[in-house]
Structures are given as C-alpha cells and as structure tokens.
Amino acid sequence: MRELGELIASINISTYKSIEDLRAGLISKIENFLNKEAYEINCNEVDSFQFMSCKSFCIPLRYKASNLKEFADILENITVNSFYFHIFETQLRLGRQRNDFSEWFDSIGKKELAEKVSSLDPYTTTLEGLRKNIIKLAREYDNA
C-alpha cells in the first residue's frame, strides 16, 4: 500500500479546477492502481480510512482595500483562514479560474501583477510565505 500512498501524495492539486475534478482524479488514480494490483486488503477498524465532510462559512470582514497600499496593509493583518479562502476555496469550491487576489488586481488594471500572483504555486510554500510574496508584489507594483 506504500505505492498507493505515494501515488496519492504525488497528486498536484493545483492542476484541478474544482473539487469534482479533484475527486474524479483521485478516484481514477485509485482505480488504476487497483486494476493492476491483484490483491485485497482488509484492515482493522483502527487502521481504516475515515471519510469526513467539510463545510465552509464565509463571514464578511470589515476590511476593504481601495488601492494596492491598503491591500498590502490589510493582507498583513487578516487571519490565515481568510487568506486561505481567497487563494484556494474560490478556485476549488467555486470553480473560478484564478484566486480572488488576481481577479481583483486585474479588475483595477494591474494585469501584470494579476498574472504574477496567479502564477505563484501555493503548494510549494507555506501560507505565510505565499502571503509575504503577494504583499511584496503588491508593494512593488504600488511604488511602480
């Protein structure tokens, strides 16, 4: 089963545009693995996989940015949960092509900044590292 674990761990979530696509990709990987392996595994209840459900709640915050300086200042102070929502949830759960920050940058005419933020891979750094990168970019484009 180590091979299956490695196969699942190697899934690049950023290539999926929705939860449904991710679910289908995961099922496909597991089915392909099972089709080439000719054994059945039974495990005791302690080792069994427990499927979970998740619900997201969106609560509007009092923060509102009108320019890049305000955006960077606010981004430094919001919770990591809010940051996570605007980076991941909007794409996977709502099926948008880009994260909320890139969409907003594009809407205020900062297309190059939008593309740079959109091209950042959120799976190769921590949330705090990603937040710092976006703040740095916003400040650079604010001073440009």
N, C-alpha and C. Protein backbone atom coordinates (compact mmCIF):
# COMPACT_ATOMS: atom_id res chain seq x y z
N MET A 1 0.82 -1.20 0.00
CA MET A 1 0.00 0.00 0.00
C MET A 1 0.86 1.26 0.00
N ARG A 2 2.13 1.12 0.29
CA ARG A 2 3.03 2.27 0.26
C ARG A 2 3.00 2.93 -1.12
N GLU A 3 2.95 2.08 -2.16
CA GLU A 3 2.93 2.61 -3.53
C GLU A 3 1.68 3.47 -3.77
N LEU A 4 0.54 3.01 -3.26
CA LEU A 4 -0.69 3.77 -3.42
C LEU A 4 -0.59 5.10 -2.67
N GLY A 5 -0.04 5.05 -1.49
CA GLY A 5 0.15 6.28 -0.71
C GLY A 5 1.02 7.28 -1.44
N GLU A 6 2.09 6.80 -2.04
CA GLU A 6 2.98 7.68 -2.81
C GLU A 6 2.28 8.22 -4.06
N LEU A 7 1.47 7.38 -4.68
CA LEU A 7 0.73 7.80 -5.86
C LEU A 7 -0.26 8.93 -5.52
N ILE A 8 -0.96 8.77 -4.42
CA ILE A 8 -1.91 9.80 -3.98
C ILE A 8 -1.18 11.06 -3.55
N ALA A 9 -0.07 10.90 -2.84
CA ALA A 9 0.69 12.07 -2.37
C ALA A 9 1.26 12.87 -3.53
N SER A 10 1.46 12.22 -4.67
CA SER A 10 2.05 12.92 -5.82
C SER A 10 1.03 13.71 -6.63
N ILE A 11 -0.23 13.64 -6.26
CA ILE A 11 -1.26 14.39 -7.00
C ILE A 11 -1.02 15.88 -6.82
N ASN A 12 -0.94 16.59 -7.93
CA ASN A 12 -0.74 18.04 -7.91
C ASN A 12 -2.12 18.71 -7.91
N ILE A 13 -2.55 19.13 -6.75
CA ILE A 13 -3.90 19.69 -6.59
C ILE A 13 -4.09 20.93 -7.45
N SER A 14 -3.03 21.68 -7.70
CA SER A 14 -3.17 22.92 -8.46
C SER A 14 -3.58 22.68 -9.91
N THR A 15 -3.50 21.45 -10.38
CA THR A 15 -3.91 21.17 -11.77
C THR A 15 -5.42 20.96 -11.88
N TYR A 16 -6.11 20.90 -10.77
CA TYR A 16 -7.56 20.69 -10.78
C TYR A 16 -8.29 22.00 -10.56
N LYS A 17 -9.36 22.19 -11.30
CA LYS A 17 -10.10 23.46 -11.25
C LYS A 17 -11.32 23.42 -10.35
N SER A 18 -11.69 22.24 -9.85
CA SER A 18 -12.84 22.15 -8.96
C SER A 18 -12.69 20.92 -8.07
N ILE A 19 -13.48 20.88 -7.02
CA ILE A 19 -13.49 19.73 -6.13
C ILE A 19 -13.91 18.48 -6.89
N GLU A 20 -14.88 18.63 -7.79
CA GLU A 20 -15.36 17.49 -8.58
C GLU A 20 -14.24 16.91 -9.45
N ASP A 21 -13.45 17.79 -10.07
CA ASP A 21 -12.32 17.33 -10.89
C ASP A 21 -11.28 16.62 -10.03
N LEU A 22 -11.01 17.17 -8.86
CA LEU A 22 -10.05 16.56 -7.94
C LEU A 22 -10.56 15.18 -7.50
N ARG A 23 -11.83 15.09 -7.15
CA ARG A 23 -12.42 13.82 -6.74
C ARG A 23 -12.29 12.78 -7.85
N ALA A 24 -12.61 13.19 -9.08
CA ALA A 24 -12.52 12.27 -10.22
C ALA A 24 -11.07 11.83 -10.45
N GLY A 25 -10.12 12.75 -10.32
CA GLY A 25 -8.71 12.41 -10.47
C GLY A 25 -8.24 11.42 -9.41
N LEU A 26 -8.68 11.63 -8.19
CA LEU A 26 -8.31 10.73 -7.10
C LEU A 26 -8.91 9.34 -7.32
N ILE A 27 -10.17 9.29 -7.70
CA ILE A 27 -10.82 8.00 -7.98
C ILE A 27 -10.10 7.28 -9.11
N SER A 28 -9.75 8.01 -10.15
CA SER A 28 -9.05 7.42 -11.29
C SER A 28 -7.71 6.81 -10.87
N LYS A 29 -6.94 7.54 -10.05
CA LYS A 29 -5.65 7.03 -9.59
C LYS A 29 -5.83 5.74 -8.78
N ILE A 30 -6.82 5.73 -7.89
CA ILE A 30 -7.05 4.56 -7.05
C ILE A 30 -7.52 3.38 -7.90
N GLU A 31 -8.45 3.63 -8.82
CA GLU A 31 -8.95 2.55 -9.69
C GLU A 31 -7.84 1.98 -10.56
N ASN A 32 -7.01 2.83 -11.13
CA ASN A 32 -5.89 2.35 -11.94
C ASN A 32 -4.94 1.49 -11.12
N PHE A 33 -4.69 1.91 -9.90
CA PHE A 33 -3.82 1.14 -9.02
C PHE A 33 -4.44 -0.21 -8.71
N LEU A 34 -5.72 -0.21 -8.37
CA LEU A 34 -6.39 -1.47 -8.02
C LEU A 34 -6.49 -2.41 -9.21
N ASN A 35 -6.64 -1.87 -10.40
CA ASN A 35 -6.73 -2.71 -11.60
C ASN A 35 -5.43 -3.44 -11.90
N LYS A 36 -4.31 -2.87 -11.52
CA LYS A 36 -3.05 -3.55 -11.81
C LYS A 36 -2.53 -4.36 -10.63
N GLU A 37 -3.13 -4.20 -9.47
CA GLU A 37 -2.75 -4.99 -8.30
C GLU A 37 -3.79 -6.08 -8.08
N ALA A 38 -3.35 -7.28 -7.89
CA ALA A 38 -4.27 -8.42 -7.76
C ALA A 38 -4.36 -8.89 -6.31
N TYR A 39 -4.68 -8.00 -5.41
CA TYR A 39 -4.86 -8.42 -4.04
C TYR A 39 -5.90 -7.54 -3.36
N GLU A 40 -6.41 -8.06 -2.26
CA GLU A 40 -7.41 -7.33 -1.49
C GLU A 40 -6.82 -7.07 -0.12
N ILE A 41 -7.08 -5.90 0.39
CA ILE A 41 -6.55 -5.56 1.70
C ILE A 41 -7.72 -5.30 2.64
N ASN A 42 -7.67 -5.94 3.76
CA ASN A 42 -8.64 -5.68 4.82
C ASN A 42 -7.85 -5.21 6.03
N CYS A 43 -8.33 -4.18 6.66
CA CYS A 43 -7.61 -3.68 7.83
C CYS A 43 -8.58 -3.62 9.01
N ASN A 44 -8.01 -3.57 10.20
CA ASN A 44 -8.87 -3.48 11.37
C ASN A 44 -9.46 -2.07 11.47
N GLU A 45 -10.44 -1.90 12.31
CA GLU A 45 -11.17 -0.64 12.40
C GLU A 45 -10.26 0.54 12.76
N VAL A 46 -9.27 0.30 13.57
CA VAL A 46 -8.35 1.36 13.99
C VAL A 46 -7.59 1.94 12.80
N ASP A 47 -7.23 1.07 11.83
CA ASP A 47 -6.45 1.49 10.67
C ASP A 47 -7.30 1.89 9.47
N SER A 48 -8.61 1.80 9.61
CA SER A 48 -9.48 2.11 8.47
C SER A 48 -9.47 3.60 8.16
N PHE A 49 -9.76 3.93 6.92
CA PHE A 49 -9.80 5.33 6.50
C PHE A 49 -11.16 5.91 6.85
N GLN A 50 -11.17 7.03 7.50
CA GLN A 50 -12.42 7.68 7.92
C GLN A 50 -12.71 8.85 6.98
N PHE A 51 -13.77 8.74 6.20
CA PHE A 51 -14.17 9.84 5.32
C PHE A 51 -14.84 10.92 6.15
N MET A 52 -14.53 12.14 5.80
CA MET A 52 -15.05 13.29 6.55
C MET A 52 -15.81 14.22 5.62
N SER A 53 -16.55 15.09 6.20
CA SER A 53 -17.27 16.12 5.47
C SER A 53 -16.75 17.47 5.95
N CYS A 54 -16.86 18.46 5.09
CA CYS A 54 -16.36 19.78 5.46
C CYS A 54 -17.35 20.84 5.01
N LYS A 55 -17.55 21.83 5.84
CA LYS A 55 -18.40 22.96 5.48
C LYS A 55 -17.60 24.23 5.68
N SER A 56 -17.72 25.14 4.74
CA SER A 56 -17.04 26.43 4.86
C SER A 56 -18.07 27.50 5.16
N PHE A 57 -17.70 28.41 6.01
CA PHE A 57 -18.55 29.55 6.33
C PHE A 57 -17.82 30.82 5.95
N CYS A 58 -18.47 31.66 5.19
CA CYS A 58 -17.88 32.92 4.77
C CYS A 58 -18.54 34.04 5.54
N ILE A 59 -17.72 34.78 6.25
CA ILE A 59 -18.20 35.90 7.05
C ILE A 59 -17.49 37.15 6.55
N PRO A 60 -18.23 38.11 6.03
CA PRO A 60 -17.58 39.34 5.55
C PRO A 60 -16.83 40.04 6.69
N LEU A 61 -15.62 40.48 6.40
CA LEU A 61 -14.83 41.23 7.38
C LEU A 61 -15.02 42.72 7.17
N ARG A 62 -14.54 43.50 8.08
CA ARG A 62 -14.70 44.95 7.99
C ARG A 62 -13.66 45.59 7.06
N TYR A 63 -12.72 44.80 6.58
CA TYR A 63 -11.65 45.32 5.74
C TYR A 63 -12.09 45.50 4.30
N LYS A 64 -11.64 46.62 3.70
CA LYS A 64 -11.91 46.88 2.30
C LYS A 64 -10.75 47.70 1.75
N ALA A 65 -10.14 47.19 0.68
CA ALA A 65 -9.00 47.87 0.07
C ALA A 65 -9.45 48.62 -1.17
N SER A 66 -8.98 49.85 -1.30
CA SER A 66 -9.28 50.67 -2.47
C SER A 66 -8.07 50.86 -3.37
N ASN A 67 -6.90 50.46 -2.87
CA ASN A 67 -5.67 50.59 -3.65
C ASN A 67 -4.67 49.54 -3.16
N LEU A 68 -3.53 49.46 -3.83
CA LEU A 68 -2.55 48.42 -3.51
C LEU A 68 -1.93 48.60 -2.12
N LYS A 69 -1.73 49.83 -1.69
CA LYS A 69 -1.17 50.04 -0.35
C LYS A 69 -2.13 49.52 0.71
N GLU A 70 -3.41 49.88 0.59
CA GLU A 70 -4.40 49.38 1.54
C GLU A 70 -4.48 47.85 1.48
N PHE A 71 -4.44 47.31 0.28
CA PHE A 71 -4.49 45.86 0.11
C PHE A 71 -3.35 45.19 0.88
N ALA A 72 -2.12 45.66 0.67
CA ALA A 72 -0.95 45.06 1.33
C ALA A 72 -1.05 45.19 2.84
N ASP A 73 -1.48 46.35 3.32
CA ASP A 73 -1.61 46.56 4.77
C ASP A 73 -2.65 45.61 5.36
N ILE A 74 -3.77 45.46 4.68
CA ILE A 74 -4.82 44.56 5.17
C ILE A 74 -4.38 43.11 5.10
N LEU A 75 -3.73 42.74 4.01
CA LEU A 75 -3.30 41.36 3.84
C LEU A 75 -2.34 40.93 4.95
N GLU A 76 -1.59 41.88 5.48
CA GLU A 76 -0.69 41.57 6.61
C GLU A 76 -1.46 41.21 7.87
N ASN A 77 -2.70 41.69 7.98
CA ASN A 77 -3.42 41.59 9.24
C ASN A 77 -4.61 40.63 9.26
N ILE A 78 -5.05 40.14 8.10
CA ILE A 78 -6.17 39.21 8.11
C ILE A 78 -5.70 37.85 8.62
N THR A 79 -6.63 37.02 9.03
CA THR A 79 -6.26 35.70 9.51
C THR A 79 -5.82 34.83 8.34
N VAL A 80 -5.08 33.79 8.66
CA VAL A 80 -4.65 32.85 7.64
C VAL A 80 -5.86 32.14 7.04
N ASN A 81 -6.95 32.03 7.79
CA ASN A 81 -8.17 31.39 7.28
C ASN A 81 -8.78 32.21 6.14
N SER A 82 -8.81 33.51 6.31
CA SER A 82 -9.32 34.38 5.26
C SER A 82 -8.42 34.33 4.05
N PHE A 83 -7.13 34.36 4.28
CA PHE A 83 -6.16 34.27 3.19
C PHE A 83 -6.36 32.96 2.42
N TYR A 84 -6.48 31.86 3.16
CA TYR A 84 -6.69 30.55 2.55
C TYR A 84 -7.94 30.57 1.66
N PHE A 85 -9.02 31.14 2.16
CA PHE A 85 -10.26 31.19 1.38
C PHE A 85 -10.03 31.87 0.04
N HIS A 86 -9.39 33.02 0.05
CA HIS A 86 -9.21 33.79 -1.18
C HIS A 86 -8.22 33.16 -2.15
N ILE A 87 -7.36 32.28 -1.65
CA ILE A 87 -6.39 31.60 -2.53
C ILE A 87 -6.94 30.26 -3.03
N PHE A 88 -7.46 29.43 -2.14
CA PHE A 88 -7.83 28.06 -2.50
C PHE A 88 -9.33 27.85 -2.71
N GLU A 89 -10.12 28.28 -1.77
CA GLU A 89 -11.55 27.97 -1.81
C GLU A 89 -12.23 28.51 -3.07
N THR A 90 -11.87 29.71 -3.46
CA THR A 90 -12.55 30.31 -4.61
C THR A 90 -12.29 29.53 -5.88
N GLN A 91 -11.15 28.90 -5.98
CA GLN A 91 -10.86 28.11 -7.18
C GLN A 91 -11.45 26.71 -7.07
N LEU A 92 -11.14 25.99 -6.01
CA LEU A 92 -11.59 24.61 -5.91
C LEU A 92 -13.09 24.48 -5.65
N ARG A 93 -13.61 25.24 -4.72
CA ARG A 93 -15.03 25.08 -4.38
C ARG A 93 -15.96 25.88 -5.29
N LEU A 94 -15.51 27.05 -5.72
CA LEU A 94 -16.38 27.89 -6.54
C LEU A 94 -16.07 27.77 -8.03
N GLY A 95 -15.01 27.06 -8.38
CA GLY A 95 -14.70 26.78 -9.77
C GLY A 95 -14.17 27.96 -10.57
N ARG A 96 -13.62 28.95 -9.89
CA ARG A 96 -13.05 30.09 -10.61
C ARG A 96 -11.69 29.73 -11.17
N GLN A 97 -11.29 30.43 -12.23
CA GLN A 97 -10.02 30.14 -12.90
C GLN A 97 -8.82 30.63 -12.11
N ARG A 98 -8.99 31.73 -11.37
CA ARG A 98 -7.88 32.31 -10.62
C ARG A 98 -8.32 32.63 -9.21
N ASN A 99 -7.35 32.89 -8.35
CA ASN A 99 -7.67 33.27 -6.98
C ASN A 99 -8.27 34.68 -6.95
N ASP A 100 -8.91 35.02 -5.84
CA ASP A 100 -9.58 36.31 -5.71
C ASP A 100 -8.63 37.49 -5.85
N PHE A 101 -7.43 37.37 -5.36
CA PHE A 101 -6.48 38.48 -5.41
C PHE A 101 -6.13 38.81 -6.86
N SER A 102 -5.84 37.79 -7.65
CA SER A 102 -5.53 38.01 -9.07
C SER A 102 -6.70 38.63 -9.80
N GLU A 103 -7.90 38.18 -9.49
CA GLU A 103 -9.10 38.74 -10.12
C GLU A 103 -9.22 40.23 -9.78
N TRP A 104 -8.98 40.59 -8.52
CA TRP A 104 -9.11 42.00 -8.13
C TRP A 104 -8.02 42.85 -8.77
N PHE A 105 -6.78 42.35 -8.77
CA PHE A 105 -5.70 43.10 -9.41
C PHE A 105 -6.04 43.37 -10.87
N ASP A 106 -6.56 42.37 -11.54
CA ASP A 106 -6.95 42.52 -12.94
C ASP A 106 -8.05 43.57 -13.09
N SER A 107 -9.00 43.57 -12.17
CA SER A 107 -10.14 44.49 -12.25
C SER A 107 -9.73 45.95 -12.03
N ILE A 108 -8.60 46.18 -11.36
CA ILE A 108 -8.15 47.57 -11.15
C ILE A 108 -7.04 47.96 -12.13
N GLY A 109 -6.88 47.13 -13.18
CA GLY A 109 -5.94 47.48 -14.24
C GLY A 109 -4.51 47.04 -14.00
N LYS A 110 -4.28 46.23 -13.00
CA LYS A 110 -2.92 45.73 -12.69
C LYS A 110 -2.77 44.31 -13.25
N LYS A 111 -2.86 44.21 -14.57
CA LYS A 111 -2.88 42.91 -15.24
C LYS A 111 -1.58 42.12 -15.03
N GLU A 112 -0.44 42.81 -15.09
CA GLU A 112 0.84 42.12 -14.90
C GLU A 112 0.95 41.57 -13.48
N LEU A 113 0.53 42.36 -12.50
CA LEU A 113 0.52 41.90 -11.11
C LEU A 113 -0.43 40.72 -10.96
N ALA A 114 -1.59 40.80 -11.59
CA ALA A 114 -2.56 39.70 -11.54
C ALA A 114 -1.94 38.41 -12.06
N GLU A 115 -1.23 38.51 -13.17
CA GLU A 115 -0.60 37.32 -13.76
C GLU A 115 0.50 36.77 -12.86
N LYS A 116 1.29 37.66 -12.26
CA LYS A 116 2.37 37.20 -11.38
C LYS A 116 1.80 36.48 -10.16
N VAL A 117 0.77 37.04 -9.56
CA VAL A 117 0.16 36.41 -8.38
C VAL A 117 -0.51 35.10 -8.78
N SER A 118 -1.15 35.09 -9.92
CA SER A 118 -1.81 33.89 -10.41
C SER A 118 -0.82 32.77 -10.70
N SER A 119 0.40 33.13 -11.08
CA SER A 119 1.40 32.12 -11.43
C SER A 119 2.15 31.58 -10.21
N LEU A 120 1.97 32.19 -9.04
CA LEU A 120 2.62 31.67 -7.83
C LEU A 120 2.02 30.30 -7.50
N ASP A 121 2.86 29.34 -7.21
CA ASP A 121 2.38 28.00 -6.87
C ASP A 121 2.16 27.92 -5.36
N PRO A 122 0.90 27.88 -4.93
CA PRO A 122 0.63 27.89 -3.48
C PRO A 122 1.00 26.58 -2.79
N TYR A 123 1.40 25.57 -3.56
CA TYR A 123 1.71 24.27 -2.98
C TYR A 123 3.21 24.08 -2.75
N THR A 124 4.00 25.10 -3.06
CA THR A 124 5.45 24.96 -2.88
C THR A 124 5.97 25.83 -1.75
N THR A 125 5.07 26.43 -0.99
CA THR A 125 5.47 27.28 0.13
C THR A 125 4.41 27.20 1.21
N THR A 126 4.68 27.82 2.33
CA THR A 126 3.68 27.89 3.39
C THR A 126 2.69 29.00 3.07
N LEU A 127 1.56 28.99 3.76
CA LEU A 127 0.59 30.08 3.56
C LEU A 127 1.22 31.42 3.93
N GLU A 128 2.00 31.44 4.99
CA GLU A 128 2.66 32.70 5.39
C GLU A 128 3.68 33.14 4.35
N GLY A 129 4.41 32.20 3.79
CA GLY A 129 5.37 32.53 2.74
C GLY A 129 4.67 33.08 1.51
N LEU A 130 3.56 32.47 1.13
CA LEU A 130 2.78 32.94 -0.01
C LEU A 130 2.20 34.32 0.26
N ARG A 131 1.72 34.53 1.47
CA ARG A 131 1.17 35.84 1.84
C ARG A 131 2.26 36.91 1.72
N LYS A 132 3.45 36.63 2.22
CA LYS A 132 4.56 37.58 2.14
C LYS A 132 4.92 37.89 0.69
N ASN A 133 4.92 36.87 -0.16
CA ASN A 133 5.22 37.08 -1.58
C ASN A 133 4.20 38.00 -2.23
N ILE A 134 2.93 37.80 -1.93
CA ILE A 134 1.88 38.63 -2.53
C ILE A 134 1.96 40.06 -2.00
N ILE A 135 2.22 40.22 -0.72
CA ILE A 135 2.38 41.55 -0.14
C ILE A 135 3.56 42.28 -0.80
N LYS A 136 4.66 41.57 -0.96
CA LYS A 136 5.85 42.16 -1.60
C LYS A 136 5.52 42.61 -3.02
N LEU A 137 4.86 41.75 -3.78
CA LEU A 137 4.49 42.11 -5.15
C LEU A 137 3.55 43.31 -5.18
N ALA A 138 2.56 43.32 -4.31
CA ALA A 138 1.61 44.45 -4.28
C ALA A 138 2.33 45.75 -3.97
N ARG A 139 3.27 45.72 -3.04
CA ARG A 139 4.02 46.93 -2.69
C ARG A 139 4.93 47.37 -3.84
N GLU A 140 5.53 46.41 -4.53
CA GLU A 140 6.38 46.75 -5.67
C GLU A 140 5.55 47.43 -6.77
N TYR A 141 4.38 46.92 -7.04
CA TYR A 141 3.54 47.50 -8.09
C TYR A 141 2.89 48.80 -7.65
N ASP A 142 2.72 48.98 -6.35
CA ASP A 142 2.19 50.24 -5.83
C ASP A 142 3.21 51.35 -6.00
N ASN A 143 4.49 51.00 -5.86
CA ASN A 143 5.56 52.00 -5.97
C ASN A 143 6.01 52.20 -7.40
N ALA A 144 5.52 51.38 -8.31
CA ALA A 144 5.96 51.48 -9.73
C ALA A 144 5.27 52.62 -10.45
